[in-house]
């Protein structure tokens, strides 16, 4: 076969070859596309499965975390309750011990004098760390007592004597001065009372009762003058 015949044969076979090649190329393309689609679908399924597994794992982890947290909180509450119970028990025991000590201390100083008891109690307070109580000041001296019967017995009501006594107490400038003036006033009243008793001793009871208001008024005026001079 000559070259021209070969060329002619090739020319005639060229469309068929091109068609076969194009078919093969299309077949290879479709096969490759189908393979890629299949791989993508499998990959998506795998990713979905992994996402579901991850979500399930996260859910299990959250549930387990909540359980562990609840367990930790329960254990903490139990430990706190146990500590509080121990503290209460310890406080009760310490109170009982202190009470027994105090009872024993009181029994030990029961038959001592009050001064010694006070000293021992102060020493005990100092040993326990309690602040030292300041000494109590001595009580103020009592006000001067006035015997109201010296003014004029039985001629005035009780309220009259009470008012006179209140006037005496309110007018006092000081304990010593009040006592001095009270003594002077009582002395003057005693003298006046003795004089009046002597002058009216021989008179009858009716005359004495008749003179009583004037004598009592004079006594009150003398009492006022005695305190205001």
Protein backbone atom coordinates (compact mmCIF):
# COMPACT_ATOMS: atom_id res chain seq x y z
CA UNK A 1 0.00 0.00 0.00
CA UNK A 2 1.34 3.28 -1.07
CA UNK A 3 1.59 6.35 1.00
CA UNK A 4 -1.26 7.98 -0.79
CA UNK A 5 -3.51 5.04 -0.03
CA UNK A 6 -2.49 5.18 3.61
CA UNK A 7 -3.18 8.85 3.71
CA UNK A 8 -6.58 8.30 2.15
CA UNK A 9 -7.36 5.54 4.62
CA UNK A 10 -6.30 7.72 7.50
CA UNK A 11 -8.41 10.56 6.21
CA UNK A 12 -11.43 8.30 5.99
CA UNK A 13 -10.82 6.81 9.46
CA UNK A 14 -10.13 10.14 11.13
CA UNK A 15 -13.78 11.05 11.92
CA UNK A 16 -14.39 7.62 13.41
CA UNK A 17 -11.25 7.91 15.50
CA UNK A 18 -12.20 11.36 16.63
CA UNK A 19 -15.69 10.16 17.54
CA UNK A 20 -14.28 7.20 19.44
CA UNK A 21 -11.84 9.45 21.24
CA UNK A 22 -14.56 11.96 22.11
CA UNK A 23 -16.79 9.17 23.40
CA UNK A 24 -13.95 7.81 25.46
CA UNK A 25 -13.20 11.29 26.77
CA UNK A 26 -16.85 11.87 27.66
CA UNK A 27 -17.07 8.48 29.33
CA UNK A 28 -13.93 9.18 31.32
CA UNK A 29 -15.30 12.62 32.28
CA UNK A 30 -18.64 11.26 33.44
CA UNK A 31 -16.97 8.46 35.33
CA UNK A 32 -14.65 10.93 37.03
CA UNK A 33 -17.57 13.23 37.87
CA UNK A 34 -19.57 10.34 39.28
CA UNK A 35 -16.58 9.25 41.32
CA UNK A 36 -16.14 12.78 42.69
CA UNK A 37 -19.83 13.05 43.50
CA UNK A 38 -19.69 9.70 45.27
CA UNK A 39 -16.61 10.71 47.23
CA UNK A 40 -18.23 14.04 48.15
CA UNK A 41 -21.41 12.29 49.27
CA UNK A 42 -19.43 9.80 51.34
CA UNK A 43 -17.40 12.65 52.80
CA UNK A 44 -20.56 14.57 53.70
CA UNK A 45 -22.05 11.47 55.30
CA UNK A 46 -18.86 10.97 57.26
CA UNK A 47 -18.86 14.60 58.34
CA UNK A 48 -22.48 14.36 59.40
CA UNK A 49 -21.70 11.22 61.35
CA UNK A 50 -18.74 12.93 63.01
CA UNK A 51 -20.88 15.97 63.83
CA UNK A 52 -23.54 13.73 65.37
CA UNK A 53 -20.89 11.89 67.37
CA UNK A 54 -19.41 15.21 68.48
CA UNK A 55 -22.83 16.51 69.56
CA UNK A 56 -23.51 13.28 71.45
CA UNK A 57 -20.09 13.48 73.10
CA UNK A 58 -20.70 17.11 74.08
CA UNK A 59 -24.09 16.17 75.49
CA UNK A 60 -22.55 13.33 77.48
CA UNK A 61 -19.79 15.65 78.66
CA UNK A 62 -22.28 18.31 79.76
CA UNK A 63 -24.40 15.72 81.54
CA UNK A 64 -21.36 14.26 83.24
CA UNK A 65 -20.15 17.74 84.17
CA UNK A 66 -23.53 18.54 85.71
CA UNK A 67 -23.48 15.27 87.65
CA UNK A 68 -19.95 15.91 88.90
CA UNK A 69 -20.89 19.48 89.85
CA UNK A 70 -23.97 18.30 91.73
CA UNK A 71 -21.86 15.69 93.49
CA UNK A 72 -19.24 18.30 94.40
CA UNK A 73 -21.92 20.66 95.73
CA UNK A 74 -23.49 17.85 97.74
CA UNK A 75 -20.11 16.90 99.19
CA UNK A 76 -19.40 20.55 100.00
CA UNK A 77 -22.76 20.90 101.75
CA UNK A 78 -22.16 17.71 103.68
CA UNK A 79 -18.70 18.90 104.70
CA UNK A 80 -20.11 22.29 105.74
CA UNK A 81 -22.85 20.65 107.78
CA UNK A 82 -20.31 18.34 109.38
CA UNK A 83 -18.07 21.31 110.28
CA UNK A 84 -21.02 23.24 111.70
CA UNK A 85 -22.11 20.21 113.72
CA UNK A 86 -18.55 19.78 115.01
CA UNK A 87 -18.39 23.50 115.86
CA UNK A 88 -21.68 23.35 117.74
CA UNK A 89 -20.58 20.24 119.58
CA UNK A 90 -17.24 21.84 120.44
CA UNK A 91 -18.95 25.02 121.63
CA UNK A 92 -21.34 23.00 123.78
CA UNK A 93 -18.43 21.04 125.27
CA UNK A 94 -16.46 24.24 125.91
CA UNK A 95 -19.49 25.90 127.52
CA UNK A 96 -19.97 22.87 129.73
CA UNK A 97 -16.28 22.90 130.67
CA UNK A 98 -16.41 26.63 131.48
CA UNK A 99 -19.61 26.13 133.46
CA UNK A 100 -18.02 23.30 135.44
CA UNK A 101 -14.95 25.46 136.06
CA UNK A 102 -17.11 28.36 137.20
CA UNK A 103 -19.15 26.10 139.48
CA UNK A 104 -15.96 24.68 140.95
CA UNK A 105 -14.54 28.19 141.39
CA UNK A 106 -17.70 29.39 143.13
CA UNK A 107 -17.68 26.33 145.38
CA UNK A 108 -14.03 27.00 146.24
CA UNK A 109 -14.67 30.63 147.28
CA UNK A 110 -18.07 29.97 148.80
CA UNK A 111 -16.96 30.20 152.43
CA UNK A 112 -14.53 33.12 152.00
CA UNK A 113 -15.26 36.72 152.83
CA UNK A 114 -16.93 38.98 150.29
CA UNK A 115 -13.78 41.05 149.83
CA UNK A 116 -11.67 37.97 149.12
CA UNK A 117 -14.36 36.66 146.78
CA UNK A 118 -14.32 39.94 144.84
CA UNK A 119 -10.52 39.88 144.58
CA UNK A 120 -10.51 36.27 143.40
CA UNK A 121 -13.19 37.04 140.81
CA UNK A 122 -11.15 39.99 139.50
CA UNK A 123 -8.07 37.78 139.26
CA UNK A 124 -10.08 35.20 137.36
CA UNK A 125 -11.34 37.85 134.93
CA UNK A 126 -7.79 39.08 134.35
CA UNK A 127 -6.61 35.53 133.68
CA UNK A 128 -9.44 35.02 131.20
CA UNK A 129 -8.48 38.22 129.39
CA UNK A 130 -11.59 40.18 130.31
CA UNK A 131 -11.19 43.97 130.57
CA UNK A 132 -10.67 45.23 134.06
CA UNK A 133 -13.79 46.84 135.42
CA UNK A 134 -13.16 50.32 136.84
CA UNK A 135 -13.72 50.62 140.58
CA UNK A 136 -17.14 51.86 141.47
CA UNK A 137 -17.13 55.30 143.12
CA UNK A 138 -18.28 55.44 146.73
CA UNK A 139 -21.93 56.29 147.20
CA UNK A 140 -22.71 59.97 147.85
CA UNK A 141 -23.26 60.93 151.46
CA UNK A 142 -26.88 60.83 152.52
CA UNK A 143 -28.71 64.17 152.74
CA UNK A 144 -29.13 65.67 156.19
CA UNK A 145 -32.05 64.10 157.97
CA UNK A 146 -34.53 66.46 159.57
CA UNK A 147 -36.73 65.32 162.42
CA UNK A 148 -39.99 66.97 161.42
CA UNK A 149 -41.49 66.33 164.82
CA UNK A 150 -39.34 69.20 166.15
CA UNK A 151 -41.23 71.75 164.02
CA UNK A 152 -44.55 71.29 165.82
CA UNK A 153 -45.86 67.76 166.36
CA UNK A 154 -49.41 66.89 165.46
CA UNK A 155 -50.51 70.32 164.16
CA UNK A 156 -49.77 69.97 160.47
CA UNK A 157 -50.59 67.33 157.91
CA UNK A 158 -48.04 64.92 156.55
CA UNK A 159 -47.94 66.79 153.24
CA UNK A 160 -46.98 69.99 155.05
CA UNK A 161 -43.97 68.28 156.62
CA UNK A 162 -43.08 66.75 153.27
CA UNK A 163 -43.09 70.16 151.58
CA UNK A 164 -40.93 71.65 154.32
CA UNK A 165 -38.50 68.77 154.00
CA UNK A 166 -38.37 69.24 150.21
CA UNK A 167 -37.64 72.95 150.70
CA UNK A 168 -34.80 72.07 153.03
CA UNK A 169 -33.31 69.63 150.51
CA UNK A 170 -33.68 71.98 147.51
CA UNK A 171 -32.15 74.95 149.31
CA UNK A 172 -28.94 73.21 150.33
CA UNK A 173 -25.83 74.61 148.55
CA UNK A 174 -23.57 71.76 149.63
CA UNK A 175 -23.38 68.85 152.07
CA UNK A 176 -21.29 70.62 154.72
CA UNK A 177 -23.08 73.95 154.49
CA UNK A 178 -26.46 72.25 154.45
CA UNK A 179 -25.57 70.21 157.50
CA UNK A 180 -24.38 73.33 159.33
CA UNK A 181 -27.50 75.28 158.47
CA UNK A 182 -29.69 72.30 159.27
CA UNK A 183 -28.09 71.98 162.69
CA UNK A 184 -28.59 75.70 163.35
CA UNK A 185 -32.18 75.53 162.18
CA UNK A 186 -32.92 72.48 164.29
CA UNK A 187 -31.33 74.11 167.30
CA UNK A 188 -33.42 77.25 166.82
CA UNK A 189 -36.58 75.23 166.35
CA UNK A 190 -35.83 73.11 169.38
CA UNK A 191 -35.37 76.23 171.49
CA UNK A 192 -38.59 77.80 170.20
CA UNK A 193 -40.44 74.54 170.71
CA UNK A 194 -39.19 74.22 174.28
CA UNK A 195 -40.19 77.80 175.05
CA UNK A 196 -43.69 77.36 173.65
CA UNK A 197 -44.19 74.06 175.45
CA UNK A 198 -43.16 75.73 178.70
CA UNK A 199 -45.46 78.70 178.23
CA UNK A 200 -48.49 76.63 177.32
CA UNK A 201 -47.96 73.80 179.79
CA UNK A 202 -50.41 75.23 182.31
CA UNK A 203 -53.15 76.05 179.80
CA UNK A 204 -55.93 73.70 178.90
CA UNK A 205 -56.07 71.65 175.72
CA UNK A 206 -58.62 73.88 173.97
CA UNK A 207 -56.43 76.95 174.30
CA UNK A 208 -53.43 74.99 173.02
CA UNK A 209 -55.33 73.83 169.96
CA UNK A 210 -56.57 77.37 169.32
CA UNK A 211 -53.03 78.74 169.38
CA UNK A 212 -51.63 75.93 167.25
CA UNK A 213 -52.16 77.47 163.72
CA UNK A 214 -50.48 80.75 164.66
CA UNK A 215 -47.59 78.92 166.32
CA UNK A 216 -47.18 76.64 163.32
CA UNK A 217 -47.18 79.63 160.92
CA UNK A 218 -44.57 81.36 163.05
CA UNK A 219 -42.48 78.18 163.02
CA UNK A 220 -42.68 78.00 159.23
CA UNK A 221 -41.67 81.66 158.90
CA UNK A 222 -38.75 81.13 161.26
CA UNK A 223 -37.74 78.10 159.29
CA UNK A 224 -37.76 80.14 156.07
CA UNK A 225 -35.76 82.96 157.63
CA UNK A 226 -33.31 80.47 159.11
CA UNK A 227 -32.61 79.02 155.68
CA UNK A 228 -32.43 82.32 153.79
CA UNK A 229 -30.17 84.27 156.10
